[in-house]
Amino acid sequence: MSSKPKTTRMLLVRHGSTVLTAEDRFAGETDVALGEDGAVQASLLAKRLANAKITAVYASPMQRTMRTASIIAEPHGLPVQPFDGLREMSHGAWEGKTRAEVELAFADEYAQWQEDPFTFAPRGGEAGLQVLARALPVIRDVVSRHPGETILVVSHKATIRLVIGSLLGFDLRRYRDNLDQSPCCLNIVDFSKQKTLQSRLTLFNDTSHYSDALEPTNESRLSKFWCAEQADAALVDADDATL
């Protein structure tokens, strides 16, 4: 009689906010430090997870992810193990620029990226497909190391959205339209190995450790589709006010 498969629980966390997060700049491979607000967010998440039986901590090697992971890992006395495959998408020539600056200076590239960020890469940067090709093997690797345990993984906005979208079987050409990740949000993914590795998302983009659960989404963090929807809604509100 075969034994019941052991479930590995992954606490998948985006790093806390940085100065470039607040300025809405492309900062994939830019190694920006965790901001003061980001450190507070991480401390509050550390308090929330203090009683979780975390056995290992992994993170992207960038400053903002390593610092976030270190803050959360401190109550557990665990070291942070860096994995290069967990780093953020490189935006190439767009790095450090605001979305408005990119749209003006790289209009054709930006339009193609908006249409399909999974297969199109900015000049000198990465497509979502390349990011997933390096990140997903890391996820599978760390899960295989910890059967039946709870582990913490700290990564980045695009990388996490691509991993979760892949695990859920989404059309990843639309990952920027359909999935969001707030700074220092908590996602929980359970993994079970039978004949194949199965996964189940049980919590997504949760920031209740530092914000009102009903706080409206900052649409500027999402794709241009949602920014346009927000603008249309504002126009409707203005029209309604004149009636």
Protein backbone atom coordinates (compact mmCIF):
# COMPACT_ATOMS: atom_id res chain seq x y z
CA MET A 1 0.00 0.00 0.00
CA SER A 2 1.48 3.32 -1.14
CA SER A 3 1.95 6.12 1.36
CA LYS A 4 -0.03 9.33 1.09
CA PRO A 5 1.87 12.06 -0.81
CA LYS A 6 3.33 14.77 1.41
CA THR A 7 2.20 18.32 0.73
CA THR A 8 4.84 21.04 0.56
CA ARG A 9 3.55 24.52 1.33
CA MET A 10 5.31 27.42 -0.37
CA LEU A 11 4.94 30.93 1.05
CA LEU A 12 5.67 32.90 -2.10
CA VAL A 13 6.33 36.58 -1.37
CA ARG A 14 7.07 39.62 -3.48
CA HIS A 15 9.74 41.91 -2.01
CA GLY A 16 8.68 45.06 -0.15
CA SER A 17 8.43 48.45 -1.83
CA THR A 18 11.43 50.46 -3.02
CA VAL A 19 11.89 54.06 -4.14
CA LEU A 20 11.48 52.92 -7.75
CA THR A 21 8.24 51.10 -6.86
CA ALA A 22 6.72 54.39 -5.72
CA GLU A 23 7.94 56.15 -8.88
CA ASP A 24 6.53 53.36 -11.10
CA ARG A 25 9.86 52.83 -12.86
CA PHE A 26 11.05 49.69 -14.62
CA ALA A 27 13.51 48.14 -12.18
CA GLY A 28 13.91 44.51 -13.19
CA GLU A 29 17.68 44.00 -13.17
CA THR A 30 18.36 47.31 -11.41
CA ASP A 31 19.62 46.28 -7.98
CA VAL A 32 17.71 48.86 -5.95
CA ALA A 33 17.64 48.56 -2.16
CA LEU A 34 14.54 47.86 -0.11
CA GLY A 35 12.90 51.14 0.94
CA GLU A 36 11.90 52.18 4.45
CA ASP A 37 8.24 51.40 3.75
CA GLY A 38 9.28 48.06 2.31
CA ALA A 39 11.17 47.17 5.47
CA VAL A 40 8.08 47.99 7.54
CA GLN A 41 5.93 45.82 5.25
CA ALA A 42 8.39 42.93 5.63
CA SER A 43 8.47 43.33 9.42
CA LEU A 44 4.69 43.13 9.58
CA LEU A 45 4.70 40.02 7.41
CA ALA A 46 7.42 38.53 9.63
CA LYS A 47 5.14 39.07 12.63
CA ARG A 48 2.27 37.42 10.76
CA LEU A 49 4.40 34.38 9.89
CA ALA A 50 6.28 34.14 13.19
CA ASN A 51 4.46 30.96 14.22
CA ALA A 52 4.63 29.28 10.83
CA LYS A 53 6.89 26.22 10.83
CA ILE A 54 9.17 27.46 8.06
CA THR A 55 12.13 25.14 7.45
CA ALA A 56 13.99 26.90 4.62
CA VAL A 57 14.17 30.34 2.98
CA TYR A 58 15.07 31.06 -0.65
CA ALA A 59 15.26 34.36 -2.51
CA SER A 60 16.36 36.16 -5.62
CA PRO A 61 19.93 37.43 -5.03
CA MET A 62 18.95 41.10 -5.49
CA GLN A 63 19.17 43.50 -2.52
CA ARG A 64 15.44 44.12 -2.20
CA THR A 65 14.54 40.42 -2.13
CA MET A 66 17.41 39.32 0.11
CA ARG A 67 16.58 42.02 2.65
CA THR A 68 12.86 41.21 2.60
CA ALA A 69 13.63 37.51 3.06
CA SER A 70 16.11 38.21 5.87
CA ILE A 71 13.54 40.23 7.83
CA ILE A 72 10.91 37.48 7.50
CA ALA A 73 13.42 34.71 8.26
CA GLU A 74 14.88 36.34 11.38
CA PRO A 75 12.28 35.02 13.90
CA HIS A 76 12.99 31.51 12.60
CA GLY A 77 16.78 31.79 12.77
CA LEU A 78 17.13 30.65 9.17
CA PRO A 79 19.68 31.73 6.55
CA VAL A 80 18.50 33.06 3.19
CA GLN A 81 19.65 30.94 0.26
CA PRO A 82 19.91 32.94 -3.00
CA PHE A 83 18.85 31.48 -6.34
CA ASP A 84 19.67 33.42 -9.51
CA GLY A 85 16.70 31.92 -11.33
CA LEU A 86 14.33 33.82 -9.03
CA ARG A 87 15.57 37.28 -10.09
CA GLU A 88 13.28 39.76 -11.82
CA MET A 89 12.72 40.15 -15.56
CA SER A 90 15.32 42.34 -17.22
CA HIS A 91 13.79 45.25 -19.12
CA GLY A 92 16.97 46.04 -21.01
CA ALA A 93 17.09 49.61 -22.33
CA TRP A 94 13.92 50.45 -20.36
CA GLU A 95 15.56 49.98 -16.97
CA GLY A 96 15.17 52.95 -14.61
CA LYS A 97 12.68 54.71 -16.85
CA THR A 98 9.03 55.47 -16.06
CA ARG A 99 6.29 53.91 -18.15
CA ALA A 100 5.55 57.28 -19.74
CA GLU A 101 9.20 57.70 -20.71
CA VAL A 102 9.34 54.23 -22.23
CA GLU A 103 6.12 54.70 -24.17
CA LEU A 104 7.52 57.92 -25.65
CA ALA A 105 11.08 56.76 -26.39
CA PHE A 106 10.30 53.15 -27.42
CA ALA A 107 6.78 53.47 -28.81
CA ASP A 108 6.89 50.49 -31.20
CA GLU A 109 8.59 48.19 -28.69
CA TYR A 110 6.22 49.18 -25.91
CA ALA A 111 3.17 48.52 -28.10
CA GLN A 112 4.45 45.03 -28.97
CA TRP A 113 5.24 44.31 -25.34
CA GLN A 114 1.76 45.41 -24.25
CA GLU A 115 0.29 43.03 -26.84
CA ASP A 116 2.36 40.00 -25.80
CA PRO A 117 4.86 40.40 -22.93
CA PHE A 118 5.32 36.62 -22.75
CA THR A 119 7.12 36.20 -26.08
CA PHE A 120 8.30 39.76 -26.84
CA ALA A 121 11.41 41.17 -25.15
CA PRO A 122 12.44 44.84 -24.97
CA ARG A 123 15.78 45.69 -26.56
CA GLY A 124 18.47 44.03 -24.43
CA GLY A 125 15.89 42.57 -22.05
CA GLU A 126 13.97 39.36 -21.44
CA ALA A 127 10.61 38.01 -22.55
CA GLY A 128 8.34 36.37 -20.00
CA LEU A 129 9.11 33.02 -21.61
CA GLN A 130 12.80 33.40 -20.73
CA VAL A 131 12.00 34.36 -17.14
CA LEU A 132 9.72 31.35 -16.68
CA ALA A 133 12.34 29.03 -18.22
CA ARG A 134 14.78 29.89 -15.41
CA ALA A 135 12.33 30.44 -12.52
CA LEU A 136 10.06 27.40 -12.79
CA PRO A 137 12.90 24.83 -12.50
CA VAL A 138 14.00 26.58 -9.29
CA ILE A 139 10.47 26.32 -7.87
CA ARG A 140 10.31 22.63 -8.71
CA ASP A 141 13.79 22.06 -7.29
CA VAL A 142 13.15 23.67 -3.89
CA VAL A 143 9.80 21.89 -3.58
CA SER A 144 11.51 18.53 -4.19
CA ARG A 145 14.00 19.31 -1.39
CA HIS A 146 11.29 19.80 1.23
CA PRO A 147 8.51 17.18 1.06
CA GLY A 148 5.86 17.83 3.68
CA GLU A 149 7.47 21.09 4.84
CA THR A 150 6.72 24.82 4.68
CA ILE A 151 9.22 26.99 2.82
CA LEU A 152 9.52 30.69 2.11
CA VAL A 153 10.44 31.99 -1.36
CA VAL A 154 10.92 35.72 -2.00
CA SER A 155 10.96 36.92 -5.59
CA HIS A 156 9.63 39.70 -7.83
CA LYS A 157 6.41 40.94 -9.38
CA ALA A 158 6.73 39.65 -12.96
CA THR A 159 8.54 36.46 -11.96
CA ILE A 160 5.88 35.49 -9.43
CA ARG A 161 3.02 36.29 -11.80
CA LEU A 162 4.59 34.15 -14.52
CA VAL A 163 5.19 31.22 -12.14
CA ILE A 164 1.67 31.33 -10.69
CA GLY A 165 0.12 31.79 -14.13
CA SER A 166 2.02 28.76 -15.42
CA LEU A 167 1.03 26.60 -12.44
CA LEU A 168 -2.62 27.55 -12.97
CA GLY A 169 -2.50 26.96 -16.71
CA PHE A 170 -3.27 30.56 -17.71
CA ASP A 171 -2.65 32.12 -21.12
CA LEU A 172 0.58 33.88 -20.19
CA ARG A 173 0.27 36.42 -22.97
CA ARG A 174 -2.26 38.06 -20.62
CA TYR A 175 -0.40 37.68 -17.33
CA ARG A 176 -0.03 41.44 -16.89
CA ASP A 177 -3.77 41.97 -17.46
CA ASN A 178 -4.97 39.14 -15.24
CA LEU A 179 -2.58 38.96 -12.28
CA ASP A 180 -1.21 41.55 -9.85
CA GLN A 181 1.37 41.43 -7.06
CA SER A 182 1.47 44.20 -4.46
CA PRO A 183 4.68 44.98 -2.57
CA CYS A 184 5.38 42.36 0.14
CA CYS A 185 2.22 40.43 -0.67
CA LEU A 186 1.78 36.83 0.44
CA ASN A 187 0.81 33.99 -1.88
CA ILE A 188 0.44 30.40 -0.70
CA VAL A 189 0.91 27.48 -3.09
CA ASP A 190 0.61 23.86 -2.00
CA PHE A 191 2.50 21.17 -3.95
CA SER A 192 1.94 17.41 -3.90
CA LYS A 193 3.93 14.81 -5.83
CA GLN A 194 2.05 11.78 -7.06
CA LYS A 195 2.90 10.62 -10.59
CA THR A 196 3.46 14.26 -11.44
CA LEU A 197 3.89 17.40 -9.35
CA GLN A 198 0.50 18.98 -8.68
CA SER A 199 -0.03 22.51 -7.34
CA ARG A 200 -2.90 24.42 -5.78
CA LEU A 201 -3.07 28.17 -5.11
CA THR A 202 -4.70 28.79 -1.72
CA LEU A 203 -3.92 32.48 -1.15
CA PHE A 204 -3.12 35.22 -3.67
CA ASN A 205 -1.70 38.75 -3.42
CA ASP A 206 -2.65 39.14 0.24
CA THR A 207 -1.45 42.29 2.05
CA SER A 208 -3.72 42.16 5.10
CA HIS A 209 -0.63 42.25 7.34
CA TYR A 210 -0.14 45.92 6.43
CA SER A 211 -3.23 47.23 4.66
CA ASP A 212 -7.02 47.16 4.69
CA ALA A 213 -8.12 44.04 2.84
CA LEU A 214 -10.74 46.14 1.06
CA GLU A 215 -8.24 48.82 -0.07
CA PRO A 216 -8.75 49.53 -3.80
CA THR A 217 -6.06 48.35 -6.20
CA ASN A 218 -3.59 50.93 -7.52
CA GLU A 219 -4.38 50.45 -11.19
CA SER A 220 -1.16 52.15 -12.32
CA ARG A 221 0.69 48.98 -11.23
CA LEU A 222 -1.15 46.92 -13.81
CA SER A 223 -1.14 46.83 -17.60
CA LYS A 224 -2.35 49.68 -19.77
CA PHE A 225 -5.69 47.89 -20.19
CA TRP A 226 -6.59 48.55 -16.54
CA CYS A 227 -5.31 52.14 -16.68
CA ALA A 228 -7.66 52.74 -19.62
CA GLU A 229 -10.53 51.11 -17.74
CA GLN A 230 -9.86 53.39 -14.77
CA ALA A 231 -9.84 56.47 -17.03
CA ASP A 232 -13.14 55.40 -18.62
CA ALA A 233 -14.69 54.91 -15.17
CA ALA A 234 -13.57 58.40 -14.14
CA LEU A 235 -15.26 59.85 -17.22
CA VAL A 236 -18.49 58.00 -16.40
CA ASP A 237 -18.35 59.35 -12.82
CA ALA A 238 -17.85 62.87 -14.14
CA ASP A 239 -20.78 62.50 -16.54
CA ASP A 240 -22.96 61.15 -13.74
CA ALA A 241 -22.08 64.16 -11.58
CA THR A 242 -23.50 66.51 -14.19
CA LEU A 243 -26.88 64.79 -14.39
